[in-house]
N, C-alpha and C. Protein backbone atom coordinates (compact mmCIF):
# COMPACT_ATOMS: atom_id res chain seq x y z
N MET A 1 -28.63 33.41 20.80
CA MET A 1 -27.58 33.38 19.80
C MET A 1 -26.40 32.55 20.27
N ASP A 2 -25.98 32.67 21.54
CA ASP A 2 -24.83 31.92 22.06
C ASP A 2 -25.08 30.42 22.05
N LYS A 3 -26.32 29.99 22.31
CA LYS A 3 -26.64 28.57 22.30
C LYS A 3 -26.52 28.00 20.89
N LYS A 4 -26.90 28.76 19.88
CA LYS A 4 -26.82 28.30 18.50
C LYS A 4 -25.36 28.08 18.10
N ILE A 5 -24.49 28.97 18.49
CA ILE A 5 -23.06 28.84 18.15
C ILE A 5 -22.47 27.60 18.82
N ILE A 6 -22.80 27.40 20.08
CA ILE A 6 -22.30 26.23 20.80
C ILE A 6 -22.80 24.95 20.14
N ILE A 7 -24.06 24.92 19.75
CA ILE A 7 -24.64 23.74 19.09
C ILE A 7 -23.96 23.51 17.73
N LEU A 8 -23.76 24.56 16.95
CA LEU A 8 -23.13 24.42 15.63
C LEU A 8 -21.68 23.95 15.76
N VAL A 9 -20.95 24.49 16.71
CA VAL A 9 -19.57 24.05 16.92
C VAL A 9 -19.54 22.59 17.37
N GLY A 10 -20.46 22.21 18.23
CA GLY A 10 -20.56 20.82 18.69
C GLY A 10 -20.86 19.87 17.54
N ILE A 11 -21.82 20.24 16.69
CA ILE A 11 -22.17 19.40 15.53
C ILE A 11 -20.97 19.30 14.58
N GLY A 12 -20.29 20.41 14.35
CA GLY A 12 -19.10 20.40 13.49
C GLY A 12 -18.02 19.48 14.04
N GLY A 13 -17.82 19.52 15.34
CA GLY A 13 -16.83 18.65 15.97
C GLY A 13 -17.19 17.18 15.85
N ILE A 14 -18.46 16.87 16.04
CA ILE A 14 -18.92 15.48 15.92
C ILE A 14 -18.77 14.98 14.48
N VAL A 15 -19.14 15.80 13.51
CA VAL A 15 -19.02 15.41 12.10
C VAL A 15 -17.54 15.21 11.73
N THR A 16 -16.69 16.09 12.19
CA THR A 16 -15.26 15.96 11.92
C THR A 16 -14.72 14.67 12.50
N PHE A 17 -15.10 14.33 13.71
CA PHE A 17 -14.67 13.10 14.35
C PHE A 17 -15.17 11.87 13.59
N LEU A 18 -16.43 11.89 13.13
CA LEU A 18 -16.97 10.77 12.37
C LEU A 18 -16.26 10.59 11.03
N VAL A 19 -15.92 11.68 10.37
CA VAL A 19 -15.16 11.60 9.11
C VAL A 19 -13.78 11.02 9.39
N TYR A 20 -13.14 11.44 10.47
CA TYR A 20 -11.83 10.90 10.85
C TYR A 20 -11.92 9.39 11.07
N LEU A 21 -12.93 8.93 11.80
CA LEU A 21 -13.10 7.49 12.04
C LEU A 21 -13.33 6.74 10.72
N GLY A 22 -14.11 7.32 9.83
CA GLY A 22 -14.36 6.70 8.54
C GLY A 22 -13.08 6.57 7.72
N LEU A 23 -12.26 7.60 7.71
CA LEU A 23 -11.00 7.55 6.98
C LEU A 23 -10.05 6.52 7.58
N GLN A 24 -9.97 6.45 8.89
CA GLN A 24 -9.11 5.46 9.54
C GLN A 24 -9.58 4.04 9.20
N ASN A 25 -10.88 3.82 9.21
CA ASN A 25 -11.43 2.51 8.89
C ASN A 25 -11.18 2.14 7.44
N SER A 26 -11.23 3.11 6.54
CA SER A 26 -11.03 2.82 5.12
C SER A 26 -9.62 2.34 4.83
N LEU A 27 -8.65 2.69 5.68
CA LEU A 27 -7.29 2.20 5.50
C LEU A 27 -7.15 0.75 5.91
N LYS A 28 -8.00 0.30 6.82
CA LYS A 28 -7.90 -1.05 7.36
C LYS A 28 -8.72 -2.07 6.58
N VAL A 29 -9.82 -1.65 5.99
CA VAL A 29 -10.73 -2.57 5.33
C VAL A 29 -10.74 -2.29 3.84
N PRO A 30 -10.22 -3.22 3.02
CA PRO A 30 -10.22 -2.97 1.59
C PRO A 30 -11.65 -2.97 1.03
N ALA A 31 -11.93 -2.01 0.18
CA ALA A 31 -13.23 -1.93 -0.46
C ALA A 31 -13.27 -2.90 -1.64
N LEU A 32 -14.46 -3.18 -2.14
CA LEU A 32 -14.60 -4.10 -3.26
C LEU A 32 -13.81 -3.65 -4.47
N PHE A 33 -13.79 -2.36 -4.73
CA PHE A 33 -13.12 -1.85 -5.92
C PHE A 33 -11.62 -1.68 -5.72
N SER A 34 -11.13 -1.85 -4.52
CA SER A 34 -9.69 -1.70 -4.28
C SER A 34 -9.10 -2.89 -3.53
N ALA A 35 -9.68 -4.07 -3.73
CA ALA A 35 -9.13 -5.26 -3.10
C ALA A 35 -7.73 -5.49 -3.66
N PRO A 36 -6.79 -5.87 -2.80
CA PRO A 36 -5.41 -6.01 -3.26
C PRO A 36 -5.26 -7.10 -4.32
N ILE A 37 -4.32 -6.88 -5.24
CA ILE A 37 -4.02 -7.91 -6.22
C ILE A 37 -3.29 -9.05 -5.52
N SER A 38 -3.24 -10.19 -6.14
CA SER A 38 -2.56 -11.33 -5.54
C SER A 38 -1.05 -11.22 -5.81
N SER A 39 -0.30 -12.03 -5.08
CA SER A 39 1.15 -12.03 -5.29
C SER A 39 1.49 -12.54 -6.70
N LYS A 40 0.68 -13.43 -7.23
CA LYS A 40 0.91 -13.93 -8.60
C LYS A 40 0.75 -12.80 -9.62
N GLU A 41 -0.25 -11.94 -9.39
CA GLU A 41 -0.44 -10.80 -10.30
C GLU A 41 0.73 -9.82 -10.20
N ALA A 42 1.28 -9.66 -9.02
CA ALA A 42 2.45 -8.79 -8.85
C ALA A 42 3.66 -9.37 -9.59
N ILE A 43 3.82 -10.69 -9.51
CA ILE A 43 4.91 -11.35 -10.24
C ILE A 43 4.73 -11.17 -11.74
N THR A 44 3.49 -11.27 -12.21
CA THR A 44 3.20 -11.07 -13.63
C THR A 44 3.59 -9.67 -14.06
N ALA A 45 3.32 -8.66 -13.24
CA ALA A 45 3.69 -7.28 -13.57
C ALA A 45 5.20 -7.15 -13.70
N VAL A 46 5.94 -7.78 -12.80
CA VAL A 46 7.40 -7.73 -12.87
C VAL A 46 7.90 -8.48 -14.11
N ALA A 47 7.32 -9.63 -14.39
CA ALA A 47 7.73 -10.41 -15.56
C ALA A 47 7.49 -9.62 -16.85
N GLN A 48 6.39 -8.88 -16.91
CA GLN A 48 6.12 -8.06 -18.09
C GLN A 48 7.15 -6.94 -18.21
N LYS A 49 7.52 -6.33 -17.09
CA LYS A 49 8.53 -5.26 -17.12
C LYS A 49 9.87 -5.81 -17.58
N GLU A 50 10.20 -7.02 -17.15
CA GLU A 50 11.47 -7.64 -17.51
C GLU A 50 11.41 -8.31 -18.89
N ASN A 51 10.26 -8.25 -19.55
CA ASN A 51 10.04 -8.89 -20.86
C ASN A 51 10.32 -10.39 -20.81
N LEU A 52 9.86 -11.03 -19.75
CA LEU A 52 10.04 -12.47 -19.62
C LEU A 52 8.84 -13.17 -20.25
N ALA A 53 9.08 -13.89 -21.33
CA ALA A 53 7.99 -14.61 -21.98
C ALA A 53 7.62 -15.85 -21.18
N ARG A 54 8.65 -16.50 -20.61
CA ARG A 54 8.41 -17.70 -19.81
C ARG A 54 9.15 -17.54 -18.48
N TYR A 55 8.47 -17.88 -17.42
CA TYR A 55 9.07 -17.77 -16.10
C TYR A 55 8.38 -18.73 -15.15
N ASN A 56 9.07 -19.08 -14.09
CA ASN A 56 8.50 -19.92 -13.03
C ASN A 56 8.22 -19.05 -11.82
N LEU A 57 7.08 -19.28 -11.19
CA LEU A 57 6.75 -18.53 -9.98
C LEU A 57 7.78 -18.78 -8.88
N SER A 58 8.39 -19.95 -8.90
CA SER A 58 9.37 -20.28 -7.86
C SER A 58 10.66 -19.49 -8.00
N ASP A 59 10.85 -18.82 -9.15
CA ASP A 59 12.02 -17.96 -9.32
C ASP A 59 11.88 -16.62 -8.59
N PHE A 60 10.70 -16.34 -8.07
CA PHE A 60 10.40 -15.08 -7.41
C PHE A 60 10.03 -15.34 -5.96
N SER A 61 10.30 -14.39 -5.12
CA SER A 61 9.77 -14.43 -3.75
C SER A 61 8.99 -13.13 -3.52
N THR A 62 7.94 -13.21 -2.74
CA THR A 62 7.09 -12.05 -2.51
C THR A 62 6.74 -11.92 -1.03
N ARG A 63 6.44 -10.69 -0.65
CA ARG A 63 5.83 -10.42 0.66
C ARG A 63 5.09 -9.09 0.55
N TYR A 64 4.06 -8.97 1.38
CA TYR A 64 3.23 -7.77 1.39
C TYR A 64 3.85 -6.76 2.34
N VAL A 65 4.03 -5.52 1.88
CA VAL A 65 4.69 -4.50 2.69
C VAL A 65 3.96 -3.17 2.57
N TYR A 66 4.34 -2.25 3.43
CA TYR A 66 3.91 -0.86 3.35
C TYR A 66 5.16 -0.06 3.06
N ILE A 67 5.14 0.72 1.98
CA ILE A 67 6.32 1.52 1.62
C ILE A 67 5.94 2.99 1.63
N LYS A 68 6.72 3.75 2.39
CA LYS A 68 6.49 5.19 2.45
C LYS A 68 7.14 5.86 1.25
N GLY A 69 6.74 7.07 0.99
CA GLY A 69 7.25 7.81 -0.14
C GLY A 69 8.75 7.99 -0.13
N ASN A 70 9.35 8.01 1.06
CA ASN A 70 10.80 8.18 1.16
C ASN A 70 11.56 6.86 1.03
N GLY A 71 10.83 5.76 0.84
CA GLY A 71 11.46 4.46 0.65
C GLY A 71 11.51 3.58 1.89
N ALA A 72 11.05 4.07 3.03
CA ALA A 72 11.03 3.26 4.25
C ALA A 72 10.02 2.12 4.07
N ILE A 73 10.44 0.90 4.41
CA ILE A 73 9.62 -0.28 4.19
C ILE A 73 9.23 -0.90 5.53
N PHE A 74 7.95 -1.26 5.66
CA PHE A 74 7.43 -1.86 6.87
C PHE A 74 6.68 -3.13 6.51
N GLU A 75 6.71 -4.12 7.40
CA GLU A 75 5.93 -5.33 7.14
C GLU A 75 4.45 -4.99 7.20
N SER A 76 3.64 -5.79 6.53
CA SER A 76 2.20 -5.54 6.50
C SER A 76 1.48 -6.86 6.29
N ASP A 77 0.16 -6.81 6.37
CA ASP A 77 -0.70 -7.97 6.17
C ASP A 77 -1.72 -7.62 5.10
N ASP A 78 -1.81 -8.42 4.04
CA ASP A 78 -2.71 -8.09 2.94
C ASP A 78 -4.18 -8.24 3.30
N ASN A 79 -4.50 -8.89 4.41
CA ASN A 79 -5.90 -9.01 4.82
C ASN A 79 -6.38 -7.84 5.65
N SER A 80 -5.48 -7.23 6.40
CA SER A 80 -5.90 -6.15 7.30
C SER A 80 -5.24 -4.82 7.02
N ASN A 81 -4.24 -4.79 6.14
CA ASN A 81 -3.47 -3.58 5.87
C ASN A 81 -2.85 -2.99 7.14
N SER A 82 -2.51 -3.86 8.08
CA SER A 82 -1.84 -3.38 9.29
C SER A 82 -0.39 -3.08 8.95
N ILE A 83 0.21 -2.18 9.71
CA ILE A 83 1.60 -1.81 9.48
C ILE A 83 2.41 -2.31 10.66
N GLY A 84 3.43 -3.10 10.36
CA GLY A 84 4.24 -3.71 11.40
C GLY A 84 5.61 -3.07 11.54
N LYS A 85 6.59 -3.91 11.83
CA LYS A 85 7.94 -3.41 12.14
C LYS A 85 8.66 -2.91 10.89
N TYR A 86 9.62 -2.06 11.14
CA TYR A 86 10.45 -1.48 10.09
C TYR A 86 11.36 -2.56 9.51
N LEU A 87 11.41 -2.67 8.18
CA LEU A 87 12.21 -3.69 7.52
C LEU A 87 13.46 -3.16 6.85
N GLY A 88 13.48 -1.88 6.54
CA GLY A 88 14.64 -1.33 5.86
C GLY A 88 14.26 -0.16 4.98
N LYS A 89 15.20 0.21 4.12
CA LYS A 89 15.01 1.38 3.27
C LYS A 89 15.24 0.98 1.82
N GLY A 90 14.37 1.47 0.95
CA GLY A 90 14.52 1.27 -0.49
C GLY A 90 14.58 2.62 -1.18
N GLU A 91 14.31 2.62 -2.45
CA GLU A 91 14.27 3.86 -3.21
C GLU A 91 12.92 4.54 -2.97
N PRO A 92 12.86 5.87 -3.05
CA PRO A 92 11.57 6.57 -2.94
C PRO A 92 10.60 6.08 -4.01
N THR A 93 9.32 6.15 -3.69
CA THR A 93 8.30 5.73 -4.67
C THR A 93 8.22 6.75 -5.80
N ILE A 94 7.64 6.35 -6.92
CA ILE A 94 7.62 7.22 -8.10
C ILE A 94 6.83 8.51 -7.87
N THR A 95 5.86 8.47 -6.96
CA THR A 95 5.07 9.67 -6.68
C THR A 95 5.39 10.28 -5.33
N THR A 96 6.31 9.69 -4.60
CA THR A 96 6.63 10.01 -3.21
C THR A 96 5.43 9.83 -2.29
N GLY A 97 4.45 9.06 -2.74
CA GLY A 97 3.29 8.73 -1.91
C GLY A 97 3.54 7.43 -1.17
N ASN A 98 2.70 7.13 -0.19
CA ASN A 98 2.79 5.90 0.59
C ASN A 98 1.89 4.84 -0.03
N TYR A 99 2.34 3.58 -0.01
CA TYR A 99 1.60 2.50 -0.67
C TYR A 99 1.65 1.22 0.16
N PHE A 100 0.57 0.43 0.04
CA PHE A 100 0.63 -0.97 0.39
C PHE A 100 1.03 -1.65 -0.91
N ALA A 101 2.04 -2.51 -0.85
CA ALA A 101 2.60 -3.05 -2.08
C ALA A 101 3.11 -4.47 -1.88
N TRP A 102 3.31 -5.14 -3.00
CA TRP A 102 3.98 -6.43 -3.00
C TRP A 102 5.45 -6.20 -3.27
N GLU A 103 6.29 -6.73 -2.42
CA GLU A 103 7.72 -6.72 -2.67
C GLU A 103 8.03 -8.00 -3.44
N VAL A 104 8.52 -7.86 -4.66
CA VAL A 104 8.82 -9.01 -5.52
C VAL A 104 10.33 -9.04 -5.74
N ILE A 105 10.95 -10.15 -5.37
CA ILE A 105 12.40 -10.28 -5.48
C ILE A 105 12.73 -11.32 -6.55
N LYS A 106 13.59 -10.91 -7.48
CA LYS A 106 14.09 -11.81 -8.52
C LYS A 106 15.56 -11.50 -8.74
N ASP A 107 16.40 -12.50 -8.52
CA ASP A 107 17.85 -12.35 -8.75
C ASP A 107 18.42 -11.12 -8.04
N ASN A 108 18.13 -10.96 -6.77
CA ASN A 108 18.63 -9.85 -5.95
C ASN A 108 18.17 -8.47 -6.42
N HIS A 109 17.20 -8.42 -7.31
CA HIS A 109 16.60 -7.15 -7.72
C HIS A 109 15.20 -7.12 -7.10
N ILE A 110 14.88 -6.03 -6.43
CA ILE A 110 13.62 -5.94 -5.71
C ILE A 110 12.72 -4.92 -6.40
N TYR A 111 11.48 -5.34 -6.62
CA TYR A 111 10.45 -4.47 -7.20
C TYR A 111 9.34 -4.31 -6.17
N PHE A 112 8.75 -3.13 -6.14
CA PHE A 112 7.59 -2.89 -5.29
C PHE A 112 6.41 -2.59 -6.21
N VAL A 113 5.39 -3.45 -6.12
CA VAL A 113 4.24 -3.37 -7.00
C VAL A 113 3.03 -2.92 -6.19
N ASP A 114 2.41 -1.81 -6.61
CA ASP A 114 1.23 -1.27 -5.93
C ASP A 114 0.16 -2.36 -5.83
N SER A 115 -0.34 -2.59 -4.63
CA SER A 115 -1.29 -3.68 -4.41
C SER A 115 -2.67 -3.38 -4.98
N SER A 116 -2.93 -2.14 -5.36
CA SER A 116 -4.24 -1.80 -5.94
C SER A 116 -4.21 -1.79 -7.46
N THR A 117 -3.16 -1.22 -8.05
CA THR A 117 -3.13 -1.03 -9.50
C THR A 117 -2.22 -2.01 -10.22
N GLY A 118 -1.28 -2.64 -9.53
CA GLY A 118 -0.33 -3.53 -10.18
C GLY A 118 0.81 -2.79 -10.85
N GLU A 119 0.94 -1.50 -10.58
CA GLU A 119 2.00 -0.69 -11.17
C GLU A 119 3.27 -0.80 -10.31
N ILE A 120 4.41 -0.86 -10.96
CA ILE A 120 5.68 -0.88 -10.24
C ILE A 120 5.97 0.54 -9.75
N ILE A 121 6.05 0.69 -8.43
CA ILE A 121 6.17 2.03 -7.85
C ILE A 121 7.57 2.35 -7.35
N SER A 122 8.42 1.31 -7.22
CA SER A 122 9.78 1.53 -6.77
C SER A 122 10.60 0.28 -7.09
N GLU A 123 11.91 0.46 -7.20
CA GLU A 123 12.83 -0.65 -7.43
C GLU A 123 14.04 -0.47 -6.54
N LYS A 124 14.71 -1.59 -6.30
CA LYS A 124 15.93 -1.53 -5.49
C LYS A 124 16.88 -2.60 -6.01
N ASN A 125 18.11 -2.23 -6.28
CA ASN A 125 19.11 -3.19 -6.76
C ASN A 125 19.83 -3.81 -5.60
């Protein structure tokens, strides 16, 4: 009986560790169904929110960031979803969740666009 318990606990520990590794890897490698939108698509989302019928891409600046639910902003890379140095603080996200997002700046107004859905998740004046 004691050997069975040790074996079951060992198997449970191994499975837990493998699930942990899988979750960590899923944050780094975008899946086919969740590939990040392009910066142009993020600009389009902002232009639609601002009701801009005509706009130039050069009027906007973008960068890929990681934004925490409390508004803390970190640099990131859209190819690897790595999280870099702290860039500053913005407004909390609409769900208080953490996101990889496009930071879109137009006329000193900053929008954060979810890199998966294209939804504006935070703004900063």
